[in-house]
């Protein structure tokens, strides 16, 4: 049995909600739902202080909750196998390359790294086949660092249907230095986004914490109590009152999952084509109208500030015409 203590901020909350919150954070590779947690409580597979309780039982700080992880994985949840990715012959649109880094213009529709349901056709599969990608990464080895095997060289992500510039490390040293910059928020990224409606302010800041939606792990939500800090700066490039949309340049100061998409949806201006966050569908646009335009960082070996841009794809260019 796995045991954890209820923290002070969860005092007075239901055991099913507290258990779900903890499991989602501890086991992100599992598909965990409230229904599954409630069923486990009813079966006595989740205990409070060693005893079975009702689903709606309120907990207190310091209470010990026990969870049968073996049954959680074997009987209730879908666990994604961690498969070592294989090299695949896939096209790469390379903007810049040297001995340390690759800068790539990722097309919309390409997943960055293998995960549940996407074990091939990803950017990682393409990188492992690329002759310029050094052997340090394209020969998986036994290691405790799963990222080395599953996400070789990946410094940061872009959503599947977001196009644009991506930075990839070609050596372990470069990866460590660039990952440190990302953690310290010294890598600057700008995006082009097209949002529903007319945004009146010429520029603004959206400062709203975000968290995973407990009912749908594919979505993010604004969560003012338990969410992580998320800050998005934006400025208006153009407005089209006739067709009711605004073209924006967006600079996220934090890098939360779906940050730009959930922020603009929350303020009533979802990104066009973003069905997950209620963005309207538009003819000629089969994905969210979001493109990573540029990225700026300190080069890992030259120690100078560099910036690279990715050409805007044709499906978004039509809105500039």
Protein backbone atom coordinates (compact mmCIF):
# COMPACT_ATOMS: atom_id res chain seq x y z
CA UNK A 1 0.00 0.00 0.00
CA UNK A 2 1.18 3.51 -0.85
CA UNK A 3 0.63 6.07 1.93
CA UNK A 4 0.60 9.88 1.92
CA UNK A 5 -0.42 12.54 4.44
CA UNK A 6 -3.17 15.08 3.88
CA UNK A 7 -1.72 18.59 3.70
CA UNK A 8 -3.17 21.58 5.55
CA UNK A 9 -4.74 23.16 2.45
CA UNK A 10 -6.84 20.01 1.88
CA UNK A 11 -8.42 20.02 5.36
CA UNK A 12 -12.19 19.61 5.14
CA UNK A 13 -12.15 18.26 1.59
CA UNK A 14 -13.62 14.95 0.45
CA UNK A 15 -11.32 11.95 0.38
CA UNK A 16 -12.12 11.22 -3.28
CA UNK A 17 -11.11 14.74 -4.35
CA UNK A 18 -7.92 14.73 -2.27
CA UNK A 19 -6.90 11.27 -3.50
CA UNK A 20 -7.57 12.20 -7.13
CA UNK A 21 -5.54 15.40 -6.87
CA UNK A 22 -2.59 13.53 -5.33
CA UNK A 23 -2.66 10.64 -7.81
CA UNK A 24 -2.87 12.92 -10.85
CA UNK A 25 0.27 14.74 -9.72
CA UNK A 26 2.14 11.58 -8.72
CA UNK A 27 1.16 9.34 -11.67
CA UNK A 28 0.82 11.54 -14.78
CA UNK A 29 1.31 8.51 -17.04
CA UNK A 30 -2.00 7.02 -15.85
CA UNK A 31 -5.48 7.84 -17.07
CA UNK A 32 -7.08 8.65 -13.71
CA UNK A 33 -10.72 9.72 -13.31
CA UNK A 34 -12.89 10.64 -10.35
CA UNK A 35 -15.10 7.60 -11.05
CA UNK A 36 -12.14 5.21 -10.74
CA UNK A 37 -11.04 6.76 -7.45
CA UNK A 38 -14.57 6.59 -6.05
CA UNK A 39 -14.88 2.91 -7.00
CA UNK A 40 -11.59 2.14 -5.25
CA UNK A 41 -12.79 3.88 -2.08
CA UNK A 42 -16.01 1.86 -2.15
CA UNK A 43 -14.04 -1.39 -2.54
CA UNK A 44 -11.72 -0.55 0.34
CA UNK A 45 -8.70 -0.12 -1.98
CA UNK A 46 -8.24 3.44 -0.69
CA UNK A 47 -8.26 3.70 3.11
CA UNK A 48 -8.23 6.58 5.58
CA UNK A 49 -6.10 5.88 8.68
CA UNK A 50 -6.30 2.18 7.87
CA UNK A 51 -10.09 2.08 7.63
CA UNK A 52 -12.61 2.07 4.79
CA UNK A 53 -14.71 5.25 4.59
CA UNK A 54 -17.43 6.67 2.38
CA UNK A 55 -16.60 8.55 -0.81
CA UNK A 56 -17.73 11.87 0.65
CA UNK A 57 -15.81 11.54 3.95
CA UNK A 58 -14.02 14.80 4.88
CA UNK A 59 -10.31 14.59 5.73
CA UNK A 60 -8.05 16.58 8.05
CA UNK A 61 -4.43 17.68 7.85
CA UNK A 62 -2.10 14.86 8.88
CA UNK A 63 -4.58 12.09 8.06
CA UNK A 64 -2.91 9.16 6.32
CA UNK A 65 -4.49 7.92 3.09
CA UNK A 66 -3.46 4.48 1.84
CA UNK A 67 -3.80 3.50 -1.83
CA UNK A 68 -3.38 0.05 -3.36
CA UNK A 69 -1.23 1.08 -6.33
CA UNK A 70 -1.00 -2.44 -7.72
CA UNK A 71 -4.76 -2.68 -8.10
CA UNK A 72 -4.86 0.89 -9.32
CA UNK A 73 -2.61 0.00 -12.26
CA UNK A 74 -3.75 -3.55 -12.98
CA UNK A 75 -7.50 -3.28 -12.61
CA UNK A 76 -8.61 0.29 -13.00
CA UNK A 77 -6.28 2.35 -15.16
CA UNK A 78 -4.79 2.39 -18.61
CA UNK A 79 -1.00 2.53 -18.28
CA UNK A 80 1.06 3.75 -21.21
CA UNK A 81 4.05 1.56 -22.00
CA UNK A 82 7.29 3.51 -22.22
CA UNK A 83 8.63 2.34 -25.52
CA UNK A 84 12.06 3.34 -26.77
CA UNK A 85 11.45 5.40 -29.93
CA UNK A 86 12.84 4.20 -33.25
CA UNK A 87 14.40 6.17 -36.08
CA UNK A 88 11.98 6.96 -38.91
CA UNK A 89 12.57 8.61 -42.24
CA UNK A 90 10.55 11.79 -41.82
CA UNK A 91 11.17 15.29 -43.25
CA UNK A 92 12.73 17.96 -41.05
CA UNK A 93 12.51 21.68 -41.84
CA UNK A 94 15.81 22.85 -40.35
CA UNK A 95 16.24 26.60 -39.82
CA UNK A 96 19.71 26.47 -38.27
CA UNK A 97 22.26 23.86 -37.22
CA UNK A 98 25.69 23.72 -35.63
CA UNK A 99 27.56 21.24 -33.42
CA UNK A 100 25.41 22.04 -30.38
CA UNK A 101 21.86 22.74 -31.52
CA UNK A 102 19.21 22.25 -34.15
CA UNK A 103 16.48 24.86 -34.72
CA UNK A 104 13.47 23.39 -36.48
CA UNK A 105 10.24 24.70 -37.97
CA UNK A 106 7.76 22.07 -36.75
CA UNK A 107 4.67 21.61 -38.91
CA UNK A 108 1.19 21.51 -37.41
CA UNK A 109 0.04 17.92 -36.92
CA UNK A 110 3.41 16.55 -35.76
CA UNK A 111 3.71 15.33 -32.16
CA UNK A 112 7.02 16.26 -30.49
CA UNK A 113 7.83 13.03 -28.66
CA UNK A 114 6.32 9.52 -28.39
CA UNK A 115 3.53 9.12 -25.83
CA UNK A 116 0.25 7.29 -25.39
CA UNK A 117 -1.23 6.66 -28.83
CA UNK A 118 1.64 8.35 -30.67
CA UNK A 119 4.62 6.01 -30.85
CA UNK A 120 5.66 6.90 -34.39
CA UNK A 121 5.66 9.88 -36.72
CA UNK A 122 6.96 12.21 -34.02
CA UNK A 123 9.72 14.78 -34.12
CA UNK A 124 11.87 12.48 -31.97
CA UNK A 125 11.48 9.65 -34.51
CA UNK A 126 12.63 12.04 -37.23
CA UNK A 127 15.60 13.30 -35.18
CA UNK A 128 16.86 9.78 -34.49
CA UNK A 129 17.05 9.22 -38.25
CA UNK A 130 18.81 12.51 -38.98
CA UNK A 131 22.50 12.09 -39.79
CA UNK A 132 23.43 15.32 -38.02
CA UNK A 133 21.93 14.21 -34.72
CA UNK A 134 24.90 13.01 -32.70
CA UNK A 135 25.28 9.41 -31.49
CA UNK A 136 25.02 10.51 -27.85
CA UNK A 137 21.27 10.59 -28.37
CA UNK A 138 20.52 8.21 -31.24
CA UNK A 139 21.92 5.17 -29.46
CA UNK A 140 19.65 4.62 -26.42
CA UNK A 141 21.49 3.18 -23.44
CA UNK A 142 20.58 1.82 -20.04
CA UNK A 143 20.00 4.83 -17.85
CA UNK A 144 17.87 6.00 -14.96
CA UNK A 145 17.18 9.20 -16.88
CA UNK A 146 14.10 8.27 -18.93
CA UNK A 147 14.18 11.58 -20.78
CA UNK A 148 17.48 10.52 -22.35
CA UNK A 149 15.73 7.59 -24.02
CA UNK A 150 12.20 8.90 -24.53
CA UNK A 151 12.82 12.58 -25.32
CA UNK A 152 16.39 12.82 -26.65
CA UNK A 153 17.54 16.40 -27.10
CA UNK A 154 14.09 17.91 -26.51
CA UNK A 155 14.45 21.24 -24.70
CA UNK A 156 10.80 22.31 -24.85
CA UNK A 157 7.51 21.23 -26.44
CA UNK A 158 4.94 22.55 -28.87
CA UNK A 159 1.42 21.17 -28.97
CA UNK A 160 0.70 18.78 -31.83
CA UNK A 161 -1.36 21.31 -33.80
CA UNK A 162 0.85 24.32 -33.06
CA UNK A 163 3.42 25.04 -35.76
CA UNK A 164 6.69 26.91 -35.52
CA UNK A 165 10.18 27.22 -34.14
CA UNK A 166 11.59 24.54 -31.84
CA UNK A 167 14.98 24.29 -30.20
CA UNK A 168 16.71 20.89 -29.97
CA UNK A 169 20.00 20.06 -28.25
CA UNK A 170 22.52 17.81 -30.03
CA UNK A 171 24.69 17.05 -26.99
CA UNK A 172 24.09 16.33 -23.32
CA UNK A 173 26.01 19.47 -22.30
CA UNK A 174 23.87 21.66 -24.57
CA UNK A 175 20.69 20.02 -23.27
CA UNK A 176 21.61 20.69 -19.64
CA UNK A 177 22.50 24.34 -20.30
CA UNK A 178 19.39 25.03 -22.38
CA UNK A 179 17.12 23.20 -19.93
CA UNK A 180 18.56 25.40 -17.17
CA UNK A 181 17.74 28.50 -19.19
CA UNK A 182 14.20 27.24 -19.72
CA UNK A 183 13.77 26.60 -15.99
CA UNK A 184 15.11 30.08 -15.18
CA UNK A 185 12.82 31.63 -17.81
CA UNK A 186 15.62 33.20 -19.81
CA UNK A 187 14.50 31.59 -23.07
CA UNK A 188 12.10 34.04 -24.74
CA UNK A 189 9.43 32.83 -27.17
CA UNK A 190 6.91 34.76 -29.25
CA UNK A 191 3.84 33.39 -30.99
CA UNK A 192 1.37 34.57 -33.57
CA UNK A 193 -2.21 33.83 -32.48
CA UNK A 194 -5.59 34.62 -34.01
CA UNK A 195 -8.33 35.00 -31.44
CA UNK A 196 -12.10 35.16 -31.72
CA UNK A 197 -13.64 38.58 -31.24
CA UNK A 198 -12.19 42.08 -31.06
CA UNK A 199 -9.67 42.69 -28.28
CA UNK A 200 -9.85 46.39 -27.43
CA UNK A 201 -6.57 46.89 -25.55
CA UNK A 202 -3.50 47.40 -27.72
CA UNK A 203 -1.50 45.24 -25.33
CA UNK A 204 -2.06 43.48 -22.05
CA UNK A 205 -1.06 40.82 -19.53
CA UNK A 206 -3.06 37.75 -18.57
CA UNK A 207 -1.93 36.56 -15.15
CA UNK A 208 -4.04 33.53 -14.23
CA UNK A 209 -2.77 30.28 -12.62
CA UNK A 210 -3.61 27.08 -14.49
CA UNK A 211 -4.03 23.43 -13.58
CA UNK A 212 -5.14 20.16 -15.15
CA UNK A 213 -8.88 19.73 -15.48
CA UNK A 214 -9.73 16.97 -12.98
CA UNK A 215 -12.58 15.73 -15.20
CA UNK A 216 -10.62 15.73 -18.46
CA UNK A 217 -6.82 15.32 -18.31
CA UNK A 218 -6.53 16.52 -21.92
CA UNK A 219 -7.63 20.02 -20.87
CA UNK A 220 -6.24 22.75 -18.66
CA UNK A 221 -8.33 25.12 -16.56
CA UNK A 222 -7.76 28.38 -14.70
CA UNK A 223 -7.40 27.41 -11.04
CA UNK A 224 -6.88 30.35 -8.69
CA UNK A 225 -6.42 28.13 -5.62
CA UNK A 226 -4.22 25.21 -6.68
CA UNK A 227 -3.00 26.24 -10.14
CA UNK A 228 0.58 27.01 -11.10
CA UNK A 229 1.63 30.55 -12.00
CA UNK A 230 0.98 31.37 -15.66
CA UNK A 231 1.64 34.79 -17.23
CA UNK A 232 1.00 35.73 -20.86
CA UNK A 233 1.87 39.07 -22.47
CA UNK A 234 0.21 40.08 -25.74
CA UNK A 235 -0.09 42.96 -28.18
CA UNK A 236 -2.52 43.45 -31.04
CA UNK A 237 -1.18 43.27 -34.59
CA UNK A 238 -4.48 43.75 -36.43
CA UNK A 239 -8.24 43.54 -35.98
CA UNK A 240 -10.91 42.43 -38.45
CA UNK A 241 -14.28 43.69 -37.22
CA UNK A 242 -16.12 42.34 -40.26
CA UNK A 243 -15.00 38.75 -39.61
CA UNK A 244 -14.70 39.25 -35.84
CA UNK A 245 -11.14 38.21 -35.05
CA UNK A 246 -7.93 39.74 -33.68
CA UNK A 247 -4.38 38.89 -34.73
CA UNK A 248 -1.94 38.94 -31.81
CA UNK A 249 1.72 38.64 -31.00
CA UNK A 250 1.94 36.67 -27.77
CA UNK A 251 4.89 36.25 -25.38
CA UNK A 252 4.32 33.70 -22.58
CA UNK A 253 6.51 34.39 -19.56
CA UNK A 254 5.85 30.93 -18.15
CA UNK A 255 5.60 27.67 -20.08
CA UNK A 256 2.51 25.87 -18.82
CA UNK A 257 0.73 23.26 -20.92
CA UNK A 258 -1.81 24.93 -23.28
CA UNK A 259 -1.10 28.24 -21.53
CA UNK A 260 -1.91 30.59 -24.41
CA UNK A 261 -4.94 28.56 -25.45
CA UNK A 262 -6.57 28.39 -22.01
CA UNK A 263 -5.73 32.01 -21.13
CA UNK A 264 -7.43 33.49 -24.19
CA UNK A 265 -10.35 31.10 -23.93
CA UNK A 266 -10.85 32.10 -20.30
CA UNK A 267 -11.08 35.82 -21.14
CA UNK A 268 -13.64 35.13 -23.86
CA UNK A 269 -11.33 35.18 -26.89
CA UNK A 270 -10.49 31.53 -27.74
CA UNK A 271 -7.96 30.81 -30.48
CA UNK A 272 -9.60 30.16 -33.85
CA UNK A 273 -9.83 26.47 -34.70
CA UNK A 274 -9.12 25.35 -31.12
CA UNK A 275 -12.02 22.95 -30.54
CA UNK A 276 -10.68 21.84 -27.14
CA UNK A 277 -11.12 25.37 -25.76
CA UNK A 278 -14.25 26.37 -27.70
CA UNK A 279 -12.44 28.16 -30.51
CA UNK A 280 -14.70 28.49 -33.58
CA UNK A 281 -13.94 26.38 -36.64
CA UNK A 282 -12.83 28.37 -39.67
CA UNK A 283 -12.82 27.28 -43.32
CA UNK A 284 -9.26 26.58 -44.48
CA UNK A 285 -7.96 26.11 -40.93
CA UNK A 286 -7.88 22.54 -39.63
CA UNK A 287 -6.10 23.30 -36.32
CA UNK A 288 -5.69 26.09 -33.76
CA UNK A 289 -4.37 29.33 -35.24
CA UNK A 290 -1.21 29.38 -33.17
CA UNK A 291 2.34 29.59 -34.53
CA UNK A 292 5.63 29.81 -32.62
CA UNK A 293 7.20 32.73 -34.45
CA UNK A 294 10.59 33.16 -32.75
CA UNK A 295 12.85 31.98 -29.95
CA UNK A 296 15.74 33.80 -28.24
CA UNK A 297 18.34 32.27 -25.88
CA UNK A 298 22.01 32.19 -24.89
CA UNK A 299 23.91 29.83 -27.19
CA UNK A 300 25.18 26.91 -25.02
CA UNK A 301 28.80 27.08 -26.21
CA UNK A 302 29.20 30.52 -27.82
CA UNK A 303 27.66 32.29 -24.80
CA UNK A 304 26.02 34.94 -26.96
CA UNK A 305 22.35 35.89 -27.33
CA UNK A 306 20.87 34.38 -30.49
CA UNK A 307 17.40 34.52 -32.02
CA UNK A 308 15.72 32.42 -34.69
CA UNK A 309 12.39 32.75 -36.47
CA UNK A 310 10.12 30.30 -38.27
CA UNK A 311 8.25 31.25 -41.41
CA UNK A 312 4.52 31.60 -40.90
CA UNK A 313 2.65 28.72 -42.60
CA UNK A 314 0.17 29.29 -45.42
CA UNK A 315 -2.97 28.48 -43.42
CA UNK A 316 -2.23 31.36 -41.04
CA UNK A 317 -0.78 33.69 -43.70
CA UNK A 318 -4.22 33.99 -45.27
CA UNK A 319 -5.36 36.02 -42.26
CA UNK A 320 -2.57 38.54 -42.94
CA UNK A 321 -3.53 38.98 -46.58
